[in-house]
PDB file of N, CA and C in Angstrom:
ATOM      1  N   MET A   1     102.816  28.383 108.812  1.00  0.00           N
ATOM      2  CA  MET A   1     102.864  29.727 109.295  1.00  0.00           C
ATOM      3  C   MET A   1     101.820  30.565 108.641  1.00  0.00           C
ATOM      4  N   THR A   2     101.099  31.333 109.430  1.00  0.00           N
ATOM      5  CA  THR A   2     100.039  32.128 108.855  1.00  0.00           C
ATOM      6  C   THR A   2     100.593  33.566 108.491  1.00  0.00           C
ATOM      7  N   TYR A   3     100.182  34.057 107.354  1.00  0.00           N
ATOM      8  CA  TYR A   3     100.637  35.338 106.889  1.00  0.00           C
ATOM      9  C   TYR A   3      99.484  36.314 107.085  1.00  0.00           C
ATOM     10  N   ASN A   4      99.771  37.440 107.742  1.00  0.00           N
ATOM     11  CA  ASN A   4      98.838  38.551 107.717  1.00  0.00           C
ATOM     12  C   ASN A   4      99.492  39.769 106.977  1.00  0.00           C
ATOM     13  N   LEU A   5      98.852  40.844 107.028  1.00  0.00           N
ATOM     14  CA  LEU A   5      99.332  41.980 106.183  1.00  0.00           C
ATOM     15  C   LEU A   5     100.702  42.456 106.591  1.00  0.00           C
ATOM     16  N   MET A   6     101.050  42.439 107.839  1.00  0.00           N
ATOM     17  CA  MET A   6     102.309  42.938 108.309  1.00  0.00           C
ATOM     18  C   MET A   6     103.418  41.888 108.168  1.00  0.00           C
ATOM     19  N   ASN A   7     103.149  40.666 108.134  1.00  0.00           N
ATOM     20  CA  ASN A   7     104.170  39.644 108.041  1.00  0.00           C
ATOM     21  C   ASN A   7     104.433  39.120 106.564  1.00  0.00           C
ATOM     22  N   ASP A   8     103.619  39.467 105.697  1.00  0.00           N
ATOM     23  CA  ASP A   8     103.763  39.016 104.324  1.00  0.00           C
ATOM     24  C   ASP A   8     104.907  39.716 103.610  1.00  0.00           C
ATOM     25  N   PRO A   9     105.909  38.948 103.144  1.00  0.00           N
ATOM     26  CA  PRO A   9     107.029  39.607 102.490  1.00  0.00           C
ATOM     27  C   PRO A   9     106.676  40.212 101.159  1.00  0.00           C
ATOM     28  N   ASN A  10     105.681  39.766 100.474  1.00  0.00           N
ATOM     29  CA  ASN A  10     105.205  40.373  99.230  1.00  0.00           C
ATOM     30  C   ASN A  10     104.740  41.790  99.448  1.00  0.00           C
ATOM     31  N   VAL A  11     104.061  42.118 100.517  1.00  0.00           N
ATOM     32  CA  VAL A  11     103.583  43.354 100.845  1.00  0.00           C
ATOM     33  C   VAL A  11     104.772  44.354 101.015  1.00  0.00           C
ATOM     34  N   TRP A  12     105.777  43.869 101.721  1.00  0.00           N
ATOM     35  CA  TRP A  12     106.950  44.720 101.945  1.00  0.00           C
ATOM     36  C   TRP A  12     107.712  45.023 100.624  1.00  0.00           C
ATOM     37  N   VAL A  13     107.761  44.022  99.792  1.00  0.00           N
ATOM     38  CA  VAL A  13     108.445  44.249  98.476  1.00  0.00           C
ATOM     39  C   VAL A  13     107.656  45.194  97.623  1.00  0.00           C
ATOM     40  N   ILE A  14     106.312  45.070  97.585  1.00  0.00           N
ATOM     41  CA  ILE A  14     105.457  45.988  96.854  1.00  0.00           C
ATOM     42  C   ILE A  14     105.596  47.387  97.398  1.00  0.00           C
ATOM     43  N   ALA A  15     105.571  47.541  98.719  1.00  0.00           N
ATOM     44  CA  ALA A  15     105.726  48.871  99.367  1.00  0.00           C
ATOM     45  C   ALA A  15     107.047  49.493  99.013  1.00  0.00           C
ATOM     46  N   GLY A  16     108.133  48.687  99.063  1.00  0.00           N
ATOM     47  CA  GLY A  16     109.439  49.223  98.673  1.00  0.00           C
ATOM     48  C   GLY A  16     109.498  49.689  97.245  1.00  0.00           C
ATOM     49  N   LEU A  17     108.931  48.898  96.364  1.00  0.00           N
ATOM     50  CA  LEU A  17     108.907  49.264  94.917  1.00  0.00           C
ATOM     51  C   LEU A  17     108.089  50.493  94.677  1.00  0.00           C
ATOM     52  N   VAL A  18     106.974  50.643  95.378  1.00  0.00           N
ATOM     53  CA  VAL A  18     106.156  51.877  95.277  1.00  0.00           C
ATOM     54  C   VAL A  18     106.940  53.052  95.738  1.00  0.00           C
ATOM     55  N   PHE A  19     107.676  52.887  96.869  1.00  0.00           N
ATOM     56  CA  PHE A  19     108.476  54.002  97.406  1.00  0.00           C
ATOM     57  C   PHE A  19     109.575  54.440  96.410  1.00  0.00           C
ATOM     58  N   VAL A  20     110.296  53.455  95.830  1.00  0.00           N
ATOM     59  CA  VAL A  20     111.321  53.738  94.866  1.00  0.00           C
ATOM     60  C   VAL A  20     110.720  54.418  93.641  1.00  0.00           C
ATOM     61  N   LEU A  21     109.582  53.914  93.177  1.00  0.00           N
ATOM     62  CA  LEU A  21     108.946  54.545  92.022  1.00  0.00           C
ATOM     63  C   LEU A  21     108.514  55.973  92.331  1.00  0.00           C
ATOM     64  N   GLY A  22     108.038  56.218  93.507  1.00  0.00           N
ATOM     65  CA  GLY A  22     107.652  57.578  93.869  1.00  0.00           C
ATOM     66  C   GLY A  22     108.874  58.493  93.942  1.00  0.00           C
ATOM     67  N   VAL A  23     109.947  58.008  94.480  1.00  0.00           N
ATOM     68  CA  VAL A  23     111.190  58.829  94.513  1.00  0.00           C
ATOM     69  C   VAL A  23     111.686  59.135  93.088  1.00  0.00           C
ATOM     70  N   LEU A  24     111.652  58.196  92.229  1.00  0.00           N
ATOM     71  CA  LEU A  24     112.141  58.371  90.854  1.00  0.00           C
ATOM     72  C   LEU A  24     111.203  59.369  90.113  1.00  0.00           C
ATOM     73  N   ILE A  25     109.900  59.186  90.282  1.00  0.00           N
ATOM     74  CA  ILE A  25     108.989  60.104  89.669  1.00  0.00           C
ATOM     75  C   ILE A  25     109.166  61.557  90.159  1.00  0.00           C
ATOM     76  N   GLY A  26     109.386  61.627  91.481  1.00  0.00           N
ATOM     77  CA  GLY A  26     109.584  63.008  92.064  1.00  0.00           C
ATOM     78  C   GLY A  26     110.853  63.625  91.509  1.00  0.00           C
ATOM     79  N   MET A  27     111.919  62.847  91.340  1.00  0.00           N
ATOM     80  CA  MET A  27     113.151  63.397  90.788  1.00  0.00           C
ATOM     81  C   MET A  27     112.991  63.830  89.351  1.00  0.00           C
ATOM     82  N   PHE A  28     112.251  63.042  88.584  1.00  0.00           N
ATOM     83  CA  PHE A  28     112.064  63.503  87.180  1.00  0.00           C
ATOM     84  C   PHE A  28     111.179  64.646  87.069  1.00  0.00           C
ATOM     85  N   LEU A  29     110.174  64.820  87.920  1.00  0.00           N
ATOM     86  CA  LEU A  29     109.245  65.997  87.844  1.00  0.00           C
ATOM     87  C   LEU A  29     110.001  67.264  88.331  1.00  0.00           C
ATOM     88  N   THR A  30     110.935  67.173  89.198  1.00  0.00           N
ATOM     89  CA  THR A  30     111.542  68.378  89.713  1.00  0.00           C
ATOM     90  C   THR A  30     112.946  68.610  89.046  1.00  0.00           C
ATOM     91  N   ALA A  31     113.295  67.860  88.054  1.00  0.00           N
ATOM     92  CA  ALA A  31     114.632  67.955  87.437  1.00  0.00           C
ATOM     93  C   ALA A  31     114.857  69.392  86.929  1.00  0.00           C
ATOM     94  N   GLY A  32     113.911  70.022  86.256  1.00  0.00           N
ATOM     95  CA  GLY A  32     114.106  71.321  85.658  1.00  0.00           C
ATOM     96  C   GLY A  32     113.648  72.424  86.619  1.00  0.00           C
ATOM     97  N   GLY A  33     113.194  72.105  87.765  1.00  0.00           N
ATOM     98  CA  GLY A  33     112.632  73.104  88.714  1.00  0.00           C
ATOM     99  C   GLY A  33     113.640  74.051  89.254  1.00  0.00           C
ATOM    100  N   ARG A  34     114.906  73.676  89.328  1.00  0.00           N
ATOM    101  CA  ARG A  34     115.848  74.541  89.966  1.00  0.00           C
ATOM    102  C   ARG A  34     116.023  75.837  89.082  1.00  0.00           C
ATOM    103  N   ARG A  35     116.109  75.666  87.808  1.00  0.00           N
ATOM    104  CA  ARG A  35     116.254  76.815  86.924  1.00  0.00           C
ATOM    105  C   ARG A  35     115.012  77.630  86.984  1.00  0.00           C
ATOM    106  N   LYS A  36     113.905  77.015  87.107  1.00  0.00           N
ATOM    107  CA  LYS A  36     112.591  77.740  87.110  1.00  0.00           C
ATOM    108  C   LYS A  36     112.548  78.663  88.379  1.00  0.00           C
ATOM    109  N   TRP A  37     112.758  78.149  89.562  1.00  0.00           N
ATOM    110  CA  TRP A  37     112.606  78.904  90.731  1.00  0.00           C
ATOM    111  C   TRP A  37     113.685  79.965  90.864  1.00  0.00           C
ATOM    112  N   LYS A  38     114.899  79.629  90.386  1.00  0.00           N
ATOM    113  CA  LYS A  38     116.004  80.656  90.369  1.00  0.00           C
ATOM    114  C   LYS A  38     115.627  81.897  89.459  1.00  0.00           C
ATOM    115  N   SER A  39     115.111  81.544  88.271  1.00  0.00           N
ATOM    116  CA  SER A  39     114.753  82.627  87.381  1.00  0.00           C
ATOM    117  C   SER A  39     113.595  83.440  87.916  1.00  0.00           C
ATOM    118  N   ARG A  40     112.604  82.770  88.503  1.00  0.00           N
ATOM    119  CA  ARG A  40     111.508  83.505  89.131  1.00  0.00           C
ATOM    120  C   ARG A  40     112.000  84.338  90.340  1.00  0.00           C
ATOM    121  N   TYR A  41     112.964  83.840  91.090  1.00  0.00           N
ATOM    122  CA  TYR A  41     113.472  84.569  92.206  1.00  0.00           C
ATOM    123  C   TYR A  41     114.200  85.837  91.718  1.00  0.00           C
ATOM    124  N   LYS A  42     115.014  85.668  90.683  1.00  0.00           N
ATOM    125  CA  LYS A  42     115.722  86.786  90.128  1.00  0.00           C
ATOM    126  C   LYS A  42     114.789  87.836  89.511  1.00  0.00           C
ATOM    127  N   ASP A  43     113.721  87.366  88.869  1.00  0.00           N
ATOM    128  CA  ASP A  43     112.749  88.344  88.342  1.00  0.00           C
ATOM    129  C   ASP A  43     112.056  89.047  89.488  1.00  0.00           C
ATOM    130  N   GLU A  44     111.760  88.380  90.536  1.00  0.00           N
ATOM    131  CA  GLU A  44     111.069  89.035  91.680  1.00  0.00           C
ATOM    132  C   GLU A  44     112.000  90.049  92.363  1.00  0.00           C
ATOM    133  N   VAL A  45     113.287  89.756  92.486  1.00  0.00           N
ATOM    134  CA  VAL A  45     114.242  90.673  93.048  1.00  0.00           C
ATOM    135  C   VAL A  45     114.338  91.896  92.120  1.00  0.00           C
ATOM    136  N   ALA A  46     114.431  91.670  90.860  1.00  0.00           N
ATOM    137  CA  ALA A  46     114.520  92.858  89.931  1.00  0.00           C
ATOM    138  C   ALA A  46     113.272  93.678  89.999  1.00  0.00           C
ATOM    139  N   ASN A  47     112.096  93.016  90.051  1.00  0.00           N
ATOM    140  CA  ASN A  47     110.863  93.778  90.175  1.00  0.00           C
ATOM    141  C   ASN A  47     110.802  94.579  91.470  1.00  0.00           C
ATOM    142  N   ARG A  48     111.219  93.975  92.574  1.00  0.00           N
ATOM    143  CA  ARG A  48     111.205  94.680  93.871  1.00  0.00           C
ATOM    144  C   ARG A  48     112.163  95.863  93.806  1.00  0.00           C
ATOM    145  N   GLU A  49     113.327  95.684  93.233  1.00  0.00           N
ATOM    146  CA  GLU A  49     114.304  96.828  93.160  1.00  0.00           C
ATOM    147  C   GLU A  49     113.734  97.948  92.297  1.00  0.00           C
ATOM    148  N   SER A  50     113.075  97.610  91.235  1.00  0.00           N
ATOM    149  CA  SER A  50     112.519  98.696  90.349  1.00  0.00           C
ATOM    150  C   SER A  50     111.401  99.392  91.182  1.00  0.00           C
ATOM    151  N   TRP A  51     110.572  98.653  91.889  1.00  0.00           N
ATOM    152  CA  TRP A  51     109.541  99.347  92.740  1.00  0.00           C
ATOM    153  C   TRP A  51     110.150 100.220  93.760  1.00  0.00           C
ATOM    154  N   GLU A  52     111.275  99.782  94.350  1.00  0.00           N
ATOM    155  CA  GLU A  52     111.993 100.587  95.382  1.00  0.00           C
ATOM    156  C   GLU A  52     112.535 101.906  94.747  1.00  0.00           C
ATOM    157  N   ARG A  53     113.106 101.775  93.530  1.00  0.00           N
ATOM    158  CA  ARG A  53     113.609 102.974  92.882  1.00  0.00           C
ATOM    159  C   ARG A  53     112.463 103.912  92.513  1.00  0.00           C
ATOM    160  N   GLU A  54     111.339 103.391  92.058  1.00  0.00           N
ATOM    161  CA  GLU A  54     110.203 104.230  91.765  1.00  0.00           C
ATOM    162  C   GLU A  54     109.661 104.904  92.970  1.00  0.00           C
ATOM    163  N   HIS A  55     109.621 104.144  94.114  1.00  0.00           N
ATOM    164  CA  HIS A  55     109.133 104.684  95.366  1.00  0.00           C
ATOM    165  C   HIS A  55     110.026 105.855  95.852  1.00  0.00           C
ATOM    166  N   ALA A  56     111.354 105.625  95.745  1.00  0.00           N
ATOM    167  CA  ALA A  56     112.302 106.661  96.163  1.00  0.00           C
ATOM    168  C   ALA A  56     112.153 107.910  95.274  1.00  0.00           C
ATOM    169  N   LYS A  57     111.978 107.719  94.018  1.00  0.00           N
ATOM    170  CA  LYS A  57     111.796 108.879  93.119  1.00  0.00           C
ATOM    171  C   LYS A  57     110.512 109.621  93.445  1.00  0.00           C
ATOM    172  N   LEU A  58     109.414 108.931  93.652  1.00  0.00           N
ATOM    173  CA  LEU A  58     108.179 109.590  94.022  1.00  0.00           C
ATOM    174  C   LEU A  58     108.194 110.280  95.376  1.00  0.00           C
ATOM    175  N   LYS A  59     108.919 109.629  96.280  1.00  0.00           N
ATOM    176  CA  LYS A  59     109.078 110.257  97.614  1.00  0.00           C
ATOM    177  C   LYS A  59     109.836 111.584  97.516  1.00  0.00           C
ATOM    178  N   ALA A  60     110.936 111.603  96.687  1.00  0.00           N
ATOM    179  CA  ALA A  60     111.747 112.819  96.477  1.00  0.00           C
ATOM    180  C   ALA A  60     110.903 113.889  95.829  1.00  0.00           C
ATOM    181  N   GLU A  61     110.058 113.512  94.830  1.00  0.00           N
ATOM    182  CA  GLU A  61     109.214 114.463  94.224  1.00  0.00           C
ATOM    183  C   GLU A  61     108.164 115.012  95.160  1.00  0.00           C
ATOM    184  N   GLN A  62     107.619 114.175  96.032  1.00  0.00           N
ATOM    185  CA  GLN A  62     106.627 114.666  97.027  1.00  0.00           C
ATOM    186  C   GLN A  62     107.269 115.572  97.990  1.00  0.00           C
ATOM    187  N   THR A  63     108.527 115.255  98.423  1.00  0.00           N
ATOM    188  CA  THR A  63     109.192 116.194  99.339  1.00  0.00           C
ATOM    189  C   THR A  63     109.439 117.550  98.683  1.00  0.00           C
ATOM    190  N   GLU A  64     109.817 117.522  97.422  1.00  0.00           N
ATOM    191  CA  GLU A  64     110.034 118.786  96.705  1.00  0.00           C
ATOM    192  C   GLU A  64     108.744 119.606  96.579  1.00  0.00           C
ATOM    193  N   ARG A  65     107.659 118.884  96.265  1.00  0.00           N
ATOM    194  CA  ARG A  65     106.374 119.602  96.185  1.00  0.00           C
ATOM    195  C   ARG A  65     105.961 120.180  97.547  1.00  0.00           C
ATOM    196  N   GLU A  66     106.159 119.417  98.611  1.00  0.00           N
ATOM    197  CA  GLU A  66     105.811 119.914  99.904  1.00  0.00           C
ATOM    198  C   GLU A  66     106.646 121.136 100.274  1.00  0.00           C
ATOM    199  N   LYS A  67     107.898 121.148  99.864  1.00  0.00           N
ATOM    200  CA  LYS A  67     108.775 122.347 100.117  1.00  0.00           C
ATOM    201  C   LYS A  67     108.255 123.526  99.381  1.00  0.00           C
ATOM    202  N   GLU A  68     107.825 123.388  98.099  1.00  0.00           N
ATOM    203  CA  GLU A  68     107.236 124.472  97.302  1.00  0.00           C
ATOM    204  C   GLU A  68     105.979 124.961  97.959  1.00  0.00           C
ATOM    205  N   TRP A  69     105.126 124.022  98.412  1.00  0.00           N
ATOM    206  CA  TRP A  69     103.807 124.406  99.033  1.00  0.00           C
ATOM    207  C   TRP A  69     104.076 125.210 100.314  1.00  0.00           C
ATOM    208  N   ARG A  70     105.077 124.794 101.098  1.00  0.00           N
ATOM    209  CA  ARG A  70     105.341 125.546 102.339  1.00  0.00           C
ATOM    210  C   ARG A  70     105.845 126.969 101.998  1.00  0.00           C
ATOM    211  N   GLU A  71     106.683 127.065 100.914  1.00  0.00           N
ATOM    212  CA  GLU A  71     107.156 128.363 100.525  1.00  0.00           C
ATOM    213  C   GLU A  71     106.091 129.237 100.081  1.00  0.00           C
ATOM    214  N   ARG A  72     105.149 128.701  99.274  1.00  0.00           N
ATOM    215  CA  ARG A  72     103.979 129.472  98.791  1.00  0.00           C
ATOM    216  C   ARG A  72     103.137 129.920  99.974  1.00  0.00           C
ATOM    217  N   ASP A  73     102.918 129.014 100.957  1.00  0.00           N
ATOM    218  CA  ASP A  73     102.144 129.374 102.139  1.00  0.00           C
ATOM    219  C   ASP A  73     102.793 130.487 102.922  1.00  0.00           C
ATOM    220  N   SER A  74     104.085 130.420 103.065  1.00  0.00           N
ATOM    221  CA  SER A  74     104.721 131.464 103.830  1.00  0.00           C
ATOM    222  C   SER A  74     104.634 132.787 103.060  1.00  0.00           C
ATOM    223  N   LEU A  75     104.865 132.774 101.746  1.00  0.00           N
ATOM    224  CA  LEU A  75     104.694 133.995 100.958  1.00  0.00           C
ATOM    225  C   LEU A  75     103.279 134.573 101.032  1.00  0.00           C
ATOM    226  N   ARG A  76     102.306 133.674 101.023  1.00  0.00           N
ATOM    227  CA  ARG A  76     100.904 134.095 101.111  1.00  0.00           C
ATOM    228  C   ARG A  76     100.631 134.693 102.480  1.00  0.00           C
ATOM    229  N   ALA A  77     101.173 134.106 103.486  1.00  0.00           N
ATOM    230  CA  ALA A  77     100.994 134.624 104.873  1.00  0.00           C
ATOM    231  C   ALA A  77     101.637 135.994 105.000  1.00  0.00           C
ATOM    232  N   ALA A  78     102.824 136.180 104.384  1.00  0.00           N
ATOM    233  CA  ALA A  78     103.525 137.450 104.416  1.00  0.00           C
ATOM    234  C   ALA A  78     102.715 138.520 103.656  1.00  0.00           C
ATOM    235  N   ALA A  79     102.113 138.105 102.534  1.00  0.00           N
ATOM    236  CA  ALA A  79     101.317 139.038 101.737  1.00  0.00           C
ATOM    237  C   ALA A  79     100.062 139.457 102.545  1.00  0.00           C
ATOM    238  N   ILE A  80      99.505 138.576 103.293  1.00  0.00           N
ATOM    239  CA  ILE A  80      98.330 138.923 104.045  1.00  0.00           C
ATOM    240  C   ILE A  80      98.658 139.886 105.166  1.00  0.00           C
ATOM    241  N   LYS A  81      99.794 139.685 105.795  1.00  0.00           N
ATOM    242  CA  LYS A  81     100.173 140.589 106.863  1.00  0.00           C
ATOM    243  C   LYS A  81     100.414 142.005 106.446  1.00  0.00           C
ATOM    244  N   ASP A  82     101.000 142.189 105.202  1.00  0.00           N
ATOM    245  CA  ASP A  82     101.277 143.546 104.700  1.00  0.00           C
ATOM    246  C   ASP A  82     100.553 143.711 103.382  1.00  0.00           C
ATOM    247  N   PRO A  83      99.260 144.094 103.430  1.00  0.00           N
ATOM    248  CA  PRO A  83      98.468 144.155 102.096  1.00  0.00           C
ATOM    249  C   PRO A  83      98.816 145.387 101.327  1.00  0.00           C
ATOM    250  N   THR A  84      99.526 146.342 101.860  1.00  0.00           N
ATOM    251  CA  THR A  84      99.770 147.579 101.085  1.00  0.00           C
ATOM    252  C   THR A  84     101.153 147.662 100.568  1.00  0.00           C
ATOM    253  N   GLU A  85     101.594 146.603  99.919  1.00  0.00           N
ATOM    254  CA  GLU A  85     102.945 146.533  99.293  1.00  0.00           C
ATOM    255  C   GLU A  85     102.839 147.370  97.969  1.00  0.00           C
ATOM    256  N   PRO A  86     103.978 147.946  97.616  1.00  0.00           N
ATOM    257  CA  PRO A  86     103.963 148.634  96.292  1.00  0.00           C
ATOM    258  C   PRO A  86     103.759 147.567  95.226  1.00  0.00           C
ATOM    259  N   GLY A  87     103.026 148.014  94.224  1.00  0.00           N
ATOM    260  CA  GLY A  87     102.658 147.097  93.099  1.00  0.00           C
ATOM    261  C   GLY A  87     101.218 146.584  93.255  1.00  0.00           C
ATOM    262  N   ASP A  88     100.556 146.929  94.319  1.00  0.00           N
ATOM    263  CA  ASP A  88      99.122 146.568  94.505  1.00  0.00           C
ATOM    264  C   ASP A  88      98.260 147.650  93.957  1.00  0.00           C
ATOM    265  N   GLY A  89      98.812 148.669  93.372  1.00  0.00           N
ATOM    266  CA  GLY A  89      98.005 149.781  92.904  1.00  0.00           C
ATOM    267  C   GLY A  89      97.943 150.918  93.852  1.00  0.00           C
ATOM    268  N   GLU A  90      98.485 150.718  95.012  1.00  0.00           N
ATOM    269  CA  GLU A  90      98.510 151.772  95.994  1.00  0.00           C
ATOM    270  C   GLU A  90      99.975 152.268  96.189  1.00  0.00           C
ATOM    271  N   VAL A  91     100.145 153.492  96.485  1.00  0.00           N
ATOM    272  CA  VAL A  91     101.471 154.053  96.662  1.00  0.00           C
ATOM    273  C   VAL A  91     101.593 154.387  98.150  1.00  0.00           C
ATOM    274  N   ARG A  92     102.691 153.991  98.703  1.00  0.00           N
ATOM    275  CA  ARG A  92     102.927 154.307 100.133  1.00  0.00           C
ATOM    276  C   ARG A  92     103.401 155.784 100.257  1.00  0.00           C
ATOM    277  N   SER A  93     102.955 156.368 101.291  1.00  0.00           N
ATOM    278  CA  SER A  93     103.399 157.718 101.519  1.00  0.00           C
ATOM    279  C   SER A  93     104.647 157.660 102.378  1.00  0.00           C
ATOM    280  N   LEU A  94     105.500 158.622 102.089  1.00  0.00           N
ATOM    281  CA  LEU A  94     106.739 158.682 102.899  1.00  0.00           C
ATOM    282  C   LEU A  94     106.636 159.509 104.146  1.00  0.00           C
TER     283      LEU A  94
END
């Protein structure tokens, strides 16, 4: 009987052993990986939540500033409409 690469039983045994060795090496290399990715995931979630809190705080501050700016603009517009208010150095006549 002539043996070629696909019919040789030694090739199949070697291929099986290489496969088993690869599986074992993969298991040993990823043994501590579960704790690593879980801790990284929890750190990332905590980081994202802190960024969201910071964003909400800054957005509230910006809204408050815009409200103050609108109020100042409205007071400025009212002052421009009536430039002869008491306290400007001029006295209104009755």
